[in-house]
N, C-alpha and C. Protein backbone atom coordinates (compact mmCIF):
# COMPACT_ATOMS: atom_id res chain seq x y z
N UNK A 1 0.52 15.95 9.47
CA UNK A 1 -0.53 14.96 9.22
C UNK A 1 -0.68 14.07 10.44
N UNK A 2 -1.84 14.11 11.08
CA UNK A 2 -2.09 13.31 12.27
C UNK A 2 -2.79 12.02 11.91
N UNK A 3 -2.27 10.90 12.43
CA UNK A 3 -2.88 9.60 12.19
C UNK A 3 -3.09 8.88 13.51
N UNK A 4 -4.06 7.98 13.53
CA UNK A 4 -4.35 7.18 14.70
C UNK A 4 -4.26 5.70 14.33
N UNK A 5 -3.73 4.89 15.22
CA UNK A 5 -3.61 3.46 15.00
C UNK A 5 -4.90 2.76 15.42
N UNK A 6 -5.41 1.90 14.56
CA UNK A 6 -6.58 1.09 14.87
C UNK A 6 -6.31 -0.37 14.51
N UNK A 7 -6.82 -1.27 15.31
CA UNK A 7 -6.69 -2.70 15.01
C UNK A 7 -7.84 -3.11 14.10
N UNK A 8 -7.53 -3.85 13.03
CA UNK A 8 -8.57 -4.31 12.11
C UNK A 8 -9.06 -5.69 12.53
N UNK A 9 -10.07 -6.19 11.84
CA UNK A 9 -10.75 -7.41 12.27
C UNK A 9 -9.86 -8.64 12.28
N UNK A 10 -8.79 -8.66 11.46
CA UNK A 10 -7.91 -9.84 11.47
C UNK A 10 -6.75 -9.68 12.46
N UNK A 11 -6.78 -8.64 13.27
CA UNK A 11 -5.77 -8.41 14.29
C UNK A 11 -4.61 -7.54 13.85
N UNK A 12 -4.51 -7.28 12.55
CA UNK A 12 -3.44 -6.43 12.04
C UNK A 12 -3.84 -4.96 12.14
N UNK A 13 -2.85 -4.05 12.21
CA UNK A 13 -3.17 -2.64 12.40
C UNK A 13 -3.37 -1.88 11.09
N UNK A 14 -4.08 -0.79 11.18
CA UNK A 14 -4.13 0.18 10.11
C UNK A 14 -4.04 1.56 10.74
N UNK A 15 -4.00 2.58 9.89
CA UNK A 15 -3.97 3.95 10.36
C UNK A 15 -5.22 4.68 9.87
N UNK A 16 -5.65 5.64 10.66
CA UNK A 16 -6.82 6.45 10.30
C UNK A 16 -6.38 7.91 10.21
N UNK A 17 -6.71 8.55 9.07
CA UNK A 17 -6.46 9.98 8.88
C UNK A 17 -7.76 10.74 9.05
N UNK A 18 -7.85 11.47 10.14
CA UNK A 18 -9.06 12.21 10.42
C UNK A 18 -9.30 13.37 9.48
N UNK A 19 -8.22 13.92 8.90
CA UNK A 19 -8.40 15.09 8.04
C UNK A 19 -9.17 14.75 6.77
N UNK A 20 -9.09 13.49 6.33
CA UNK A 20 -9.85 13.07 5.16
C UNK A 20 -10.84 11.95 5.49
N UNK A 21 -10.94 11.60 6.78
CA UNK A 21 -11.86 10.56 7.23
C UNK A 21 -11.64 9.27 6.44
N UNK A 22 -10.40 8.77 6.47
CA UNK A 22 -10.05 7.60 5.65
C UNK A 22 -9.05 6.71 6.38
N UNK A 23 -9.22 5.39 6.23
CA UNK A 23 -8.27 4.41 6.75
C UNK A 23 -7.28 4.02 5.65
N UNK A 24 -6.10 3.61 6.06
CA UNK A 24 -5.09 3.16 5.11
C UNK A 24 -5.43 1.79 4.53
N UNK A 25 -6.16 0.99 5.28
CA UNK A 25 -6.53 -0.36 4.85
C UNK A 25 -7.99 -0.63 5.23
N UNK A 26 -8.48 -1.77 4.79
CA UNK A 26 -9.82 -2.18 5.18
C UNK A 26 -9.86 -2.48 6.68
N UNK A 27 -10.86 -1.97 7.36
CA UNK A 27 -11.01 -2.25 8.79
C UNK A 27 -11.44 -3.70 9.01
N UNK A 28 -11.84 -4.39 7.94
CA UNK A 28 -12.22 -5.80 8.05
C UNK A 28 -11.02 -6.73 7.97
N UNK A 29 -9.83 -6.15 7.80
CA UNK A 29 -8.61 -6.96 7.79
C UNK A 29 -7.54 -6.38 6.88
N UNK A 30 -6.59 -5.65 7.45
CA UNK A 30 -5.53 -5.03 6.65
C UNK A 30 -4.64 -6.09 6.01
N UNK A 31 -4.22 -7.06 6.80
CA UNK A 31 -3.33 -8.10 6.30
C UNK A 31 -4.02 -8.95 5.24
N UNK A 32 -5.25 -9.32 5.48
CA UNK A 32 -6.00 -10.14 4.52
C UNK A 32 -6.19 -9.38 3.21
N UNK A 33 -6.54 -8.10 3.31
CA UNK A 33 -6.77 -7.29 2.11
C UNK A 33 -5.50 -7.19 1.27
N UNK A 34 -4.39 -6.82 1.88
CA UNK A 34 -3.15 -6.64 1.13
C UNK A 34 -2.68 -7.95 0.50
N UNK A 35 -2.76 -9.03 1.25
CA UNK A 35 -2.32 -10.33 0.73
C UNK A 35 -3.16 -10.75 -0.47
N UNK A 36 -4.47 -10.54 -0.39
CA UNK A 36 -5.38 -10.99 -1.45
C UNK A 36 -5.31 -10.11 -2.69
N UNK A 37 -5.47 -8.80 -2.49
CA UNK A 37 -5.61 -7.89 -3.63
C UNK A 37 -4.29 -7.70 -4.37
N UNK A 38 -3.19 -7.60 -3.64
CA UNK A 38 -1.93 -7.23 -4.28
C UNK A 38 -0.98 -8.41 -4.49
N UNK A 39 -0.75 -9.20 -3.46
CA UNK A 39 0.20 -10.32 -3.62
C UNK A 39 -0.43 -11.46 -4.42
N UNK A 40 -1.62 -11.90 -4.02
CA UNK A 40 -2.23 -13.07 -4.68
C UNK A 40 -2.77 -12.75 -6.08
N UNK A 41 -3.54 -11.67 -6.21
CA UNK A 41 -4.14 -11.35 -7.50
C UNK A 41 -3.19 -10.55 -8.40
N UNK A 42 -2.13 -10.01 -7.83
CA UNK A 42 -1.17 -9.22 -8.59
C UNK A 42 0.15 -9.94 -8.78
N UNK A 43 0.98 -9.93 -7.77
CA UNK A 43 2.35 -10.48 -7.87
C UNK A 43 2.34 -11.96 -8.28
N UNK A 44 1.53 -12.77 -7.66
CA UNK A 44 1.52 -14.20 -7.99
C UNK A 44 0.90 -14.48 -9.36
N UNK A 45 0.17 -13.53 -9.90
CA UNK A 45 -0.50 -13.72 -11.19
C UNK A 45 0.36 -13.27 -12.36
N UNK A 46 1.49 -12.65 -12.09
CA UNK A 46 2.34 -12.13 -13.17
C UNK A 46 2.86 -13.24 -14.06
N UNK A 47 3.08 -12.92 -15.31
CA UNK A 47 3.58 -13.90 -16.27
C UNK A 47 4.98 -14.37 -15.90
N UNK A 48 5.29 -15.64 -16.13
CA UNK A 48 6.66 -16.13 -15.89
C UNK A 48 7.66 -15.36 -16.74
N UNK A 49 8.83 -15.10 -16.17
CA UNK A 49 9.86 -14.36 -16.88
C UNK A 49 11.23 -14.70 -16.29
N UNK A 50 12.25 -14.68 -17.15
CA UNK A 50 13.61 -14.90 -16.67
C UNK A 50 14.18 -13.64 -16.02
N UNK A 51 13.53 -12.50 -16.23
CA UNK A 51 13.99 -11.24 -15.67
C UNK A 51 13.26 -10.97 -14.35
N UNK A 52 13.86 -10.16 -13.47
CA UNK A 52 13.16 -9.79 -12.24
C UNK A 52 11.82 -9.11 -12.53
N UNK A 53 10.82 -9.44 -11.75
CA UNK A 53 9.54 -8.75 -11.86
C UNK A 53 9.72 -7.30 -11.41
N UNK A 54 9.10 -6.39 -12.13
CA UNK A 54 9.16 -4.98 -11.78
C UNK A 54 7.77 -4.54 -11.32
N UNK A 55 7.68 -4.24 -10.03
CA UNK A 55 6.43 -3.84 -9.40
C UNK A 55 6.47 -2.33 -9.16
N UNK A 56 5.35 -1.66 -9.44
CA UNK A 56 5.23 -0.24 -9.11
C UNK A 56 4.01 -0.08 -8.22
N UNK A 57 4.23 0.41 -7.00
CA UNK A 57 3.14 0.58 -6.05
C UNK A 57 2.79 2.06 -5.91
N UNK A 58 1.52 2.36 -6.08
CA UNK A 58 1.01 3.71 -5.87
C UNK A 58 0.49 3.79 -4.44
N UNK A 59 1.30 4.34 -3.56
CA UNK A 59 0.90 4.50 -2.17
C UNK A 59 1.64 3.56 -1.23
N UNK A 60 2.88 3.90 -0.82
CA UNK A 60 3.66 3.05 0.09
C UNK A 60 2.96 2.91 1.44
N UNK A 61 2.38 3.99 1.93
CA UNK A 61 1.62 3.93 3.18
C UNK A 61 2.44 3.42 4.35
N UNK A 62 1.98 2.34 4.96
CA UNK A 62 2.67 1.75 6.11
C UNK A 62 3.78 0.78 5.69
N UNK A 63 3.84 0.45 4.40
CA UNK A 63 4.83 -0.53 3.94
C UNK A 63 4.34 -1.95 3.95
N UNK A 64 3.06 -2.16 4.24
CA UNK A 64 2.54 -3.52 4.35
C UNK A 64 2.64 -4.28 3.03
N UNK A 65 2.22 -3.66 1.92
CA UNK A 65 2.28 -4.35 0.63
C UNK A 65 3.71 -4.72 0.26
N UNK A 66 4.63 -3.82 0.53
CA UNK A 66 6.04 -4.08 0.22
C UNK A 66 6.59 -5.22 1.06
N UNK A 67 6.26 -5.23 2.35
CA UNK A 67 6.74 -6.28 3.24
C UNK A 67 6.21 -7.66 2.83
N UNK A 68 4.92 -7.72 2.51
CA UNK A 68 4.33 -9.00 2.11
C UNK A 68 4.90 -9.49 0.79
N UNK A 69 5.17 -8.58 -0.13
CA UNK A 69 5.75 -8.97 -1.42
C UNK A 69 7.19 -9.43 -1.24
N UNK A 70 7.94 -8.78 -0.36
CA UNK A 70 9.31 -9.20 -0.07
C UNK A 70 9.34 -10.62 0.49
N UNK A 71 8.40 -10.92 1.37
CA UNK A 71 8.32 -12.27 1.94
C UNK A 71 7.97 -13.29 0.86
N UNK A 72 7.02 -12.94 -0.03
CA UNK A 72 6.62 -13.85 -1.10
C UNK A 72 7.76 -14.09 -2.07
N UNK A 73 8.52 -13.04 -2.38
CA UNK A 73 9.65 -13.17 -3.29
C UNK A 73 10.71 -14.11 -2.72
N UNK A 74 10.99 -13.98 -1.43
CA UNK A 74 11.98 -14.85 -0.79
C UNK A 74 11.49 -16.29 -0.75
N UNK A 75 10.24 -16.48 -0.39
CA UNK A 75 9.69 -17.84 -0.30
C UNK A 75 9.67 -18.52 -1.66
N UNK A 76 9.30 -17.77 -2.71
CA UNK A 76 9.18 -18.34 -4.05
C UNK A 76 10.48 -18.26 -4.85
N UNK A 77 11.48 -17.56 -4.31
CA UNK A 77 12.76 -17.34 -5.02
C UNK A 77 12.52 -16.72 -6.39
N UNK A 78 11.69 -15.68 -6.38
CA UNK A 78 11.37 -14.96 -7.61
C UNK A 78 11.87 -13.52 -7.48
N UNK A 79 12.89 -13.20 -8.24
CA UNK A 79 13.52 -11.89 -8.14
C UNK A 79 12.52 -10.78 -8.46
N UNK A 80 12.50 -9.77 -7.61
CA UNK A 80 11.52 -8.68 -7.72
C UNK A 80 12.19 -7.35 -7.45
N UNK A 81 12.00 -6.41 -8.37
CA UNK A 81 12.43 -5.02 -8.16
C UNK A 81 11.16 -4.21 -7.90
N UNK A 82 11.08 -3.62 -6.73
CA UNK A 82 9.85 -3.01 -6.24
C UNK A 82 10.03 -1.50 -6.11
N UNK A 83 9.28 -0.77 -6.94
CA UNK A 83 9.27 0.69 -6.88
C UNK A 83 8.00 1.14 -6.17
N UNK A 84 8.12 2.09 -5.26
CA UNK A 84 6.94 2.55 -4.56
C UNK A 84 7.02 4.06 -4.34
N UNK A 85 5.89 4.72 -4.44
CA UNK A 85 5.85 6.17 -4.38
C UNK A 85 4.95 6.63 -3.24
N UNK A 86 5.38 7.67 -2.55
CA UNK A 86 4.60 8.19 -1.43
C UNK A 86 4.91 9.68 -1.26
N UNK A 87 3.89 10.51 -1.32
CA UNK A 87 4.07 11.94 -1.17
C UNK A 87 4.13 12.35 0.30
N UNK A 88 3.48 11.56 1.17
CA UNK A 88 3.43 11.90 2.59
C UNK A 88 3.92 10.73 3.44
N UNK A 89 5.23 10.51 3.49
CA UNK A 89 5.75 9.38 4.29
C UNK A 89 5.40 9.53 5.76
N UNK A 90 5.19 8.40 6.40
CA UNK A 90 4.91 8.40 7.83
C UNK A 90 6.19 8.71 8.60
N UNK A 91 6.02 9.26 9.76
CA UNK A 91 7.18 9.59 10.60
C UNK A 91 7.75 8.31 11.21
N UNK A 92 9.05 8.31 11.53
CA UNK A 92 9.63 7.14 12.22
C UNK A 92 8.89 6.83 13.52
N UNK A 93 8.41 7.85 14.19
CA UNK A 93 7.70 7.64 15.46
C UNK A 93 6.41 6.85 15.23
N UNK A 94 5.70 7.14 14.14
CA UNK A 94 4.47 6.40 13.83
C UNK A 94 4.80 4.95 13.49
N UNK A 95 5.83 4.74 12.70
CA UNK A 95 6.24 3.37 12.35
C UNK A 95 6.61 2.59 13.60
N UNK A 96 7.33 3.22 14.53
CA UNK A 96 7.70 2.54 15.77
C UNK A 96 6.48 2.10 16.56
N UNK A 97 5.41 2.89 16.51
CA UNK A 97 4.18 2.52 17.20
C UNK A 97 3.47 1.35 16.53
N UNK A 98 3.65 1.22 15.22
CA UNK A 98 3.00 0.13 14.48
C UNK A 98 3.72 -1.21 14.68
N UNK A 99 5.03 -1.17 14.88
CA UNK A 99 5.84 -2.40 14.89
C UNK A 99 5.31 -3.45 15.86
N UNK A 100 4.99 -3.12 17.11
CA UNK A 100 4.54 -4.17 18.03
C UNK A 100 3.28 -4.90 17.58
N UNK A 101 2.49 -4.27 16.73
CA UNK A 101 1.25 -4.89 16.26
C UNK A 101 1.47 -5.89 15.12
N UNK A 102 2.66 -5.85 14.51
CA UNK A 102 2.91 -6.72 13.36
C UNK A 102 3.11 -8.17 13.81
N UNK A 103 2.72 -9.12 12.97
CA UNK A 103 2.92 -10.52 13.28
C UNK A 103 4.39 -10.88 13.28
N UNK A 104 4.75 -11.89 14.04
CA UNK A 104 6.15 -12.31 14.15
C UNK A 104 6.74 -12.65 12.79
N UNK A 105 5.91 -13.23 11.91
CA UNK A 105 6.42 -13.72 10.63
C UNK A 105 7.03 -12.62 9.79
N UNK A 106 6.48 -11.41 9.86
CA UNK A 106 7.00 -10.37 8.97
C UNK A 106 7.40 -9.08 9.69
N UNK A 107 7.57 -9.14 11.01
CA UNK A 107 7.93 -7.93 11.75
C UNK A 107 9.27 -7.37 11.30
N UNK A 108 10.27 -8.23 11.15
CA UNK A 108 11.59 -7.75 10.75
C UNK A 108 11.59 -7.21 9.32
N UNK A 109 10.77 -7.84 8.45
CA UNK A 109 10.68 -7.35 7.07
C UNK A 109 9.97 -6.01 7.05
N UNK A 110 8.92 -5.88 7.84
CA UNK A 110 8.19 -4.61 7.95
C UNK A 110 9.14 -3.49 8.39
N UNK A 111 9.96 -3.79 9.37
CA UNK A 111 10.92 -2.79 9.85
C UNK A 111 11.94 -2.45 8.77
N UNK A 112 12.38 -3.47 8.03
CA UNK A 112 13.40 -3.25 7.00
C UNK A 112 12.91 -2.37 5.86
N UNK A 113 11.67 -2.60 5.40
CA UNK A 113 11.17 -1.80 4.28
C UNK A 113 10.92 -0.36 4.71
N UNK A 114 10.55 -0.16 5.97
CA UNK A 114 10.34 1.20 6.45
C UNK A 114 11.65 1.91 6.76
N UNK A 115 12.68 1.16 7.12
CA UNK A 115 13.98 1.76 7.42
C UNK A 115 14.75 2.11 6.15
N UNK A 116 14.38 1.52 5.02
CA UNK A 116 15.09 1.78 3.77
C UNK A 116 15.03 3.26 3.42
N UNK A 117 16.15 3.80 2.96
CA UNK A 117 16.22 5.22 2.63
C UNK A 117 15.42 5.56 1.39
N UNK A 118 14.88 6.76 1.34
CA UNK A 118 14.14 7.23 0.18
C UNK A 118 15.10 7.59 -0.94
N UNK A 119 14.76 7.19 -2.15
CA UNK A 119 15.59 7.49 -3.30
C UNK A 119 16.80 6.58 -3.43
N UNK A 120 16.86 5.52 -2.63
CA UNK A 120 17.97 4.58 -2.67
C UNK A 120 17.48 3.21 -3.14
N UNK A 121 18.38 2.44 -3.72
CA UNK A 121 18.07 1.05 -4.07
C UNK A 121 18.58 0.17 -2.93
N UNK A 122 17.65 -0.49 -2.24
CA UNK A 122 17.99 -1.23 -1.03
C UNK A 122 17.61 -2.70 -1.20
N UNK A 123 18.54 -3.59 -0.92
CA UNK A 123 18.25 -5.02 -0.96
C UNK A 123 17.67 -5.45 0.38
N UNK A 124 16.39 -5.83 0.37
CA UNK A 124 15.73 -6.29 1.59
C UNK A 124 16.05 -7.74 1.86
N UNK A 125 16.11 -8.54 0.81
CA UNK A 125 16.60 -9.92 0.88
C UNK A 125 17.16 -10.26 -0.50
N UNK A 126 17.81 -11.42 -0.67
CA UNK A 126 18.46 -11.71 -1.96
C UNK A 126 17.52 -11.72 -3.16
N UNK A 127 16.21 -11.75 -2.94
CA UNK A 127 15.25 -11.83 -4.05
C UNK A 127 14.39 -10.57 -4.17
N UNK A 128 14.64 -9.57 -3.36
CA UNK A 128 13.76 -8.40 -3.33
C UNK A 128 14.56 -7.12 -3.13
N UNK A 129 14.46 -6.24 -4.12
CA UNK A 129 15.10 -4.93 -4.06
C UNK A 129 14.03 -3.85 -4.01
N UNK A 130 14.21 -2.88 -3.12
CA UNK A 130 13.22 -1.84 -2.88
C UNK A 130 13.76 -0.47 -3.27
N UNK A 131 12.94 0.28 -4.02
CA UNK A 131 13.26 1.67 -4.37
C UNK A 131 12.06 2.52 -3.96
N UNK A 132 12.20 3.30 -2.88
CA UNK A 132 11.13 4.17 -2.39
C UNK A 132 11.33 5.59 -2.92
N UNK A 133 10.27 6.15 -3.48
CA UNK A 133 10.33 7.47 -4.08
C UNK A 133 9.43 8.44 -3.32
N UNK A 134 10.04 9.46 -2.74
CA UNK A 134 9.29 10.46 -1.98
C UNK A 134 8.95 11.59 -2.92
N UNK A 135 7.86 11.44 -3.63
CA UNK A 135 7.49 12.42 -4.64
C UNK A 135 6.03 12.24 -5.03
N UNK A 136 5.59 13.01 -6.00
CA UNK A 136 4.21 13.02 -6.46
C UNK A 136 4.11 12.27 -7.79
N UNK A 137 3.18 11.36 -7.89
CA UNK A 137 3.02 10.59 -9.13
C UNK A 137 2.68 11.49 -10.31
N UNK A 138 2.06 12.63 -10.04
CA UNK A 138 1.69 13.54 -11.12
C UNK A 138 2.92 14.08 -11.85
N UNK A 139 4.04 14.19 -11.14
CA UNK A 139 5.25 14.77 -11.73
C UNK A 139 6.40 13.77 -11.88
N UNK A 140 6.34 12.66 -11.19
CA UNK A 140 7.43 11.68 -11.21
C UNK A 140 7.48 10.92 -12.52
N UNK A 141 8.69 10.81 -13.10
CA UNK A 141 8.88 9.99 -14.28
C UNK A 141 8.75 8.52 -13.89
N UNK A 142 8.09 7.74 -14.74
CA UNK A 142 7.87 6.33 -14.44
C UNK A 142 9.05 5.47 -14.87
N UNK A 143 9.41 4.46 -14.09
CA UNK A 143 10.35 3.46 -14.59
C UNK A 143 9.71 2.68 -15.72
N UNK A 144 10.50 2.26 -16.68
CA UNK A 144 9.95 1.54 -17.83
C UNK A 144 9.85 0.04 -17.53
N UNK A 145 9.04 -0.63 -18.33
CA UNK A 145 8.97 -2.09 -18.27
C UNK A 145 8.33 -2.64 -17.02
N UNK A 146 7.27 -1.98 -16.53
CA UNK A 146 6.60 -2.42 -15.32
C UNK A 146 5.76 -3.67 -15.62
N UNK A 147 5.87 -4.68 -14.74
CA UNK A 147 5.09 -5.91 -14.87
C UNK A 147 3.79 -5.87 -14.09
N UNK A 148 3.82 -5.20 -12.94
CA UNK A 148 2.67 -5.20 -12.03
C UNK A 148 2.53 -3.82 -11.40
N UNK A 149 1.32 -3.31 -11.35
CA UNK A 149 1.03 -2.08 -10.62
C UNK A 149 0.09 -2.41 -9.46
N UNK A 150 0.50 -2.04 -8.26
CA UNK A 150 -0.40 -2.07 -7.11
C UNK A 150 -0.99 -0.67 -6.99
N UNK A 151 -2.25 -0.51 -7.32
CA UNK A 151 -2.86 0.82 -7.23
C UNK A 151 -3.59 0.92 -5.90
N UNK A 152 -2.91 1.50 -4.91
CA UNK A 152 -3.42 1.51 -3.54
C UNK A 152 -3.54 2.93 -2.99
N UNK A 153 -3.97 3.86 -3.86
CA UNK A 153 -4.23 5.22 -3.40
C UNK A 153 -5.47 5.26 -2.52
N UNK A 154 -5.65 6.35 -1.80
CA UNK A 154 -6.89 6.52 -1.04
C UNK A 154 -8.08 6.52 -2.00
N UNK A 155 -9.27 6.30 -1.47
CA UNK A 155 -10.48 6.13 -2.28
C UNK A 155 -10.70 7.32 -3.22
N UNK A 156 -11.34 7.08 -4.36
CA UNK A 156 -11.56 8.15 -5.34
C UNK A 156 -12.24 9.39 -4.78
N UNK A 157 -13.18 9.21 -3.87
CA UNK A 157 -13.87 10.37 -3.30
C UNK A 157 -12.99 11.14 -2.32
N UNK A 158 -11.91 10.51 -1.82
CA UNK A 158 -11.00 11.16 -0.88
C UNK A 158 -9.78 11.75 -1.59
N UNK A 159 -9.38 11.15 -2.67
CA UNK A 159 -8.16 11.57 -3.39
C UNK A 159 -8.42 11.53 -4.89
N UNK A 160 -9.36 12.32 -5.39
CA UNK A 160 -9.79 12.22 -6.78
C UNK A 160 -8.68 12.50 -7.79
N UNK A 161 -7.68 13.28 -7.42
CA UNK A 161 -6.60 13.61 -8.35
C UNK A 161 -5.76 12.40 -8.75
N UNK A 162 -5.90 11.30 -7.98
CA UNK A 162 -5.12 10.09 -8.29
C UNK A 162 -5.89 9.13 -9.19
N UNK A 163 -7.17 9.35 -9.36
CA UNK A 163 -8.02 8.42 -10.12
C UNK A 163 -8.48 9.10 -11.40
N UNK A 164 -7.54 9.46 -12.26
CA UNK A 164 -7.85 10.21 -13.47
C UNK A 164 -7.33 9.50 -14.71
N UNK A 165 -7.84 9.91 -15.85
CA UNK A 165 -7.35 9.36 -17.11
C UNK A 165 -5.85 9.62 -17.27
N UNK A 166 -5.41 10.79 -16.86
CA UNK A 166 -3.99 11.14 -16.98
C UNK A 166 -3.11 10.16 -16.21
N UNK A 167 -3.50 9.85 -14.99
CA UNK A 167 -2.72 8.92 -14.15
C UNK A 167 -2.73 7.53 -14.74
N UNK A 168 -3.90 7.02 -15.12
CA UNK A 168 -3.97 5.66 -15.63
C UNK A 168 -3.27 5.53 -16.98
N UNK A 169 -3.30 6.56 -17.79
CA UNK A 169 -2.58 6.51 -19.06
C UNK A 169 -1.07 6.49 -18.82
N UNK A 170 -0.63 7.26 -17.84
CA UNK A 170 0.79 7.28 -17.49
C UNK A 170 1.27 5.90 -17.05
N UNK A 171 0.47 5.24 -16.24
CA UNK A 171 0.81 3.88 -15.80
C UNK A 171 0.77 2.91 -16.98
N UNK A 172 -0.28 2.99 -17.78
CA UNK A 172 -0.43 2.11 -18.94
C UNK A 172 0.78 2.21 -19.86
N UNK A 173 1.25 3.42 -20.11
CA UNK A 173 2.37 3.63 -21.03
C UNK A 173 3.67 3.05 -20.50
N UNK A 174 3.81 2.96 -19.18
CA UNK A 174 5.04 2.45 -18.58
C UNK A 174 5.04 0.93 -18.40
N UNK A 175 3.89 0.30 -18.64
CA UNK A 175 3.76 -1.14 -18.41
C UNK A 175 4.07 -1.94 -19.66
N UNK A 176 4.57 -3.16 -19.45
CA UNK A 176 4.83 -4.08 -20.55
C UNK A 176 3.51 -4.62 -21.10
N UNK A 177 3.54 -5.13 -22.30
CA UNK A 177 2.40 -5.88 -22.82
C UNK A 177 2.17 -7.10 -21.93
N UNK A 178 0.94 -7.30 -21.51
CA UNK A 178 0.62 -8.42 -20.62
C UNK A 178 0.75 -8.08 -19.15
N UNK A 179 1.21 -6.87 -18.83
CA UNK A 179 1.34 -6.45 -17.44
C UNK A 179 -0.04 -6.23 -16.83
N UNK A 180 -0.11 -6.26 -15.49
CA UNK A 180 -1.39 -6.17 -14.80
C UNK A 180 -1.37 -5.06 -13.74
N UNK A 181 -2.55 -4.56 -13.47
CA UNK A 181 -2.77 -3.57 -12.41
C UNK A 181 -3.87 -4.12 -11.51
N UNK A 182 -3.65 -4.08 -10.22
CA UNK A 182 -4.68 -4.52 -9.28
C UNK A 182 -5.04 -3.37 -8.34
N UNK A 183 -6.31 -3.31 -7.96
CA UNK A 183 -6.76 -2.30 -7.02
C UNK A 183 -7.97 -2.82 -6.26
N UNK A 184 -8.11 -2.33 -5.03
CA UNK A 184 -9.26 -2.71 -4.20
C UNK A 184 -10.55 -2.08 -4.70
N UNK A 185 -10.45 -1.03 -5.51
CA UNK A 185 -11.63 -0.27 -5.93
C UNK A 185 -12.28 -0.92 -7.14
N UNK A 186 -13.55 -1.28 -7.02
CA UNK A 186 -14.27 -1.94 -8.13
C UNK A 186 -15.40 -1.07 -8.67
N UNK A 187 -15.36 0.22 -8.41
CA UNK A 187 -16.42 1.11 -8.89
C UNK A 187 -16.51 1.07 -10.42
N UNK A 188 -17.73 1.12 -10.94
CA UNK A 188 -17.92 1.09 -12.38
C UNK A 188 -17.22 2.23 -13.09
N UNK A 189 -17.20 3.41 -12.48
CA UNK A 189 -16.56 4.57 -13.10
C UNK A 189 -15.06 4.34 -13.25
N UNK A 190 -14.44 3.69 -12.28
CA UNK A 190 -12.99 3.41 -12.36
C UNK A 190 -12.72 2.33 -13.38
N UNK A 191 -13.57 1.31 -13.43
CA UNK A 191 -13.40 0.26 -14.44
C UNK A 191 -13.49 0.85 -15.84
N UNK A 192 -14.45 1.73 -16.07
CA UNK A 192 -14.59 2.34 -17.39
C UNK A 192 -13.41 3.27 -17.72
N UNK A 193 -12.88 3.91 -16.72
CA UNK A 193 -11.72 4.78 -16.93
C UNK A 193 -10.50 3.95 -17.34
N UNK A 194 -10.30 2.84 -16.69
CA UNK A 194 -9.20 1.94 -17.06
C UNK A 194 -9.38 1.44 -18.49
N UNK A 195 -10.59 1.08 -18.84
CA UNK A 195 -10.86 0.61 -20.20
C UNK A 195 -10.60 1.71 -21.23
N UNK A 196 -10.89 2.95 -20.88
CA UNK A 196 -10.76 4.06 -21.82
C UNK A 196 -9.32 4.32 -22.23
N UNK A 197 -8.35 3.93 -21.38
CA UNK A 197 -6.94 4.14 -21.74
C UNK A 197 -6.31 2.88 -22.32
N UNK A 198 -7.10 1.81 -22.47
CA UNK A 198 -6.61 0.63 -23.18
C UNK A 198 -6.49 -0.65 -22.38
N UNK A 199 -6.88 -0.62 -21.10
CA UNK A 199 -6.80 -1.84 -20.30
C UNK A 199 -8.01 -2.75 -20.56
N UNK A 200 -7.77 -4.05 -20.42
CA UNK A 200 -8.85 -5.02 -20.31
C UNK A 200 -9.07 -5.25 -18.82
N UNK A 201 -10.31 -5.21 -18.37
CA UNK A 201 -10.57 -5.29 -16.94
C UNK A 201 -11.41 -6.51 -16.59
N UNK A 202 -11.25 -6.95 -15.36
CA UNK A 202 -12.06 -8.06 -14.85
C UNK A 202 -12.36 -7.80 -13.38
N UNK A 203 -13.59 -8.07 -13.00
CA UNK A 203 -13.97 -8.02 -11.60
C UNK A 203 -13.67 -9.38 -10.98
N UNK A 204 -13.03 -9.37 -9.83
CA UNK A 204 -12.67 -10.60 -9.14
C UNK A 204 -13.20 -10.57 -7.71
N UNK A 205 -13.40 -11.73 -7.10
CA UNK A 205 -13.87 -11.74 -5.71
C UNK A 205 -12.90 -11.00 -4.80
N UNK A 206 -13.44 -10.22 -3.90
CA UNK A 206 -12.62 -9.51 -2.95
C UNK A 206 -12.13 -10.41 -1.83
N UNK A 207 -11.38 -9.86 -0.88
CA UNK A 207 -10.86 -10.67 0.22
C UNK A 207 -11.98 -11.19 1.11
N UNK A 208 -11.77 -12.32 1.78
CA UNK A 208 -12.79 -12.85 2.69
C UNK A 208 -13.20 -11.80 3.73
N UNK A 209 -14.47 -11.68 3.95
CA UNK A 209 -15.02 -10.75 4.95
C UNK A 209 -14.71 -9.30 4.62
N UNK A 210 -14.33 -9.05 3.35
CA UNK A 210 -14.04 -7.67 2.95
C UNK A 210 -14.92 -7.23 1.81
N UNK A 211 -14.35 -6.50 0.87
CA UNK A 211 -15.11 -6.02 -0.28
C UNK A 211 -15.58 -7.20 -1.13
N UNK A 212 -16.75 -7.05 -1.71
CA UNK A 212 -17.31 -8.15 -2.51
C UNK A 212 -16.50 -8.37 -3.78
N UNK A 213 -16.05 -7.28 -4.41
CA UNK A 213 -15.29 -7.38 -5.65
C UNK A 213 -14.11 -6.41 -5.64
N UNK A 214 -13.08 -6.77 -6.41
CA UNK A 214 -11.95 -5.90 -6.66
C UNK A 214 -11.68 -5.93 -8.17
N UNK A 215 -10.76 -5.09 -8.62
CA UNK A 215 -10.47 -5.02 -10.05
C UNK A 215 -9.04 -5.46 -10.37
N UNK A 216 -8.93 -6.15 -11.50
CA UNK A 216 -7.60 -6.40 -12.09
C UNK A 216 -7.69 -5.97 -13.55
N UNK A 217 -6.69 -5.21 -13.99
CA UNK A 217 -6.64 -4.70 -15.35
C UNK A 217 -5.38 -5.21 -16.02
N UNK A 218 -5.50 -5.58 -17.30
CA UNK A 218 -4.36 -6.11 -18.05
C UNK A 218 -4.11 -5.24 -19.28
N UNK A 219 -2.83 -4.98 -19.55
CA UNK A 219 -2.47 -4.26 -20.78
C UNK A 219 -2.31 -5.26 -21.90
N UNK A 220 -3.19 -5.23 -22.91
CA UNK A 220 -3.14 -6.26 -23.95
C UNK A 220 -1.98 -6.04 -24.92
């Protein structure tokens, strides 16, 4: 799998896959998009709990969402167990090329989440534990009691097998009552699909200078 590094509008990097003509993040700002859609509308919106938050991310990609959540967990002192799945992990050589582009604030965290072994439980900081799964969501058993899902697969037209009733039902069944799912995709067809498996959905403003709307779904 060949990827190319591109700088996005906020100065942070993303990757471009020519084989499917798709970027890993918004070209209008990778850092802004991840912070807004997943950390702010997802992780920070989760219900208060005495237990560690259990996050499940669909699409580890470059590790940006994991790194930003690890930083938020440490800053807020909110224990978080973070599960993430990726069928096509990036090579260490690609990650090494991305590192110089990362901001000083989270460069070491970015390196730590990418260096974590697959299939291992790794403590990134005292408030954040990472479990990376190198497998396919279609066949992988879900951890139970999920509080938050970051649904960050490639776009429906590029990766349609990930945007199906089967996938969303699988996620819904593994989530707690009151748990939430966030995604950058606000297409009407995806919103209706989420509703069909039992989610309540809401359209929310997208990141500044990015998509106009994004979706958050709640398991009632």
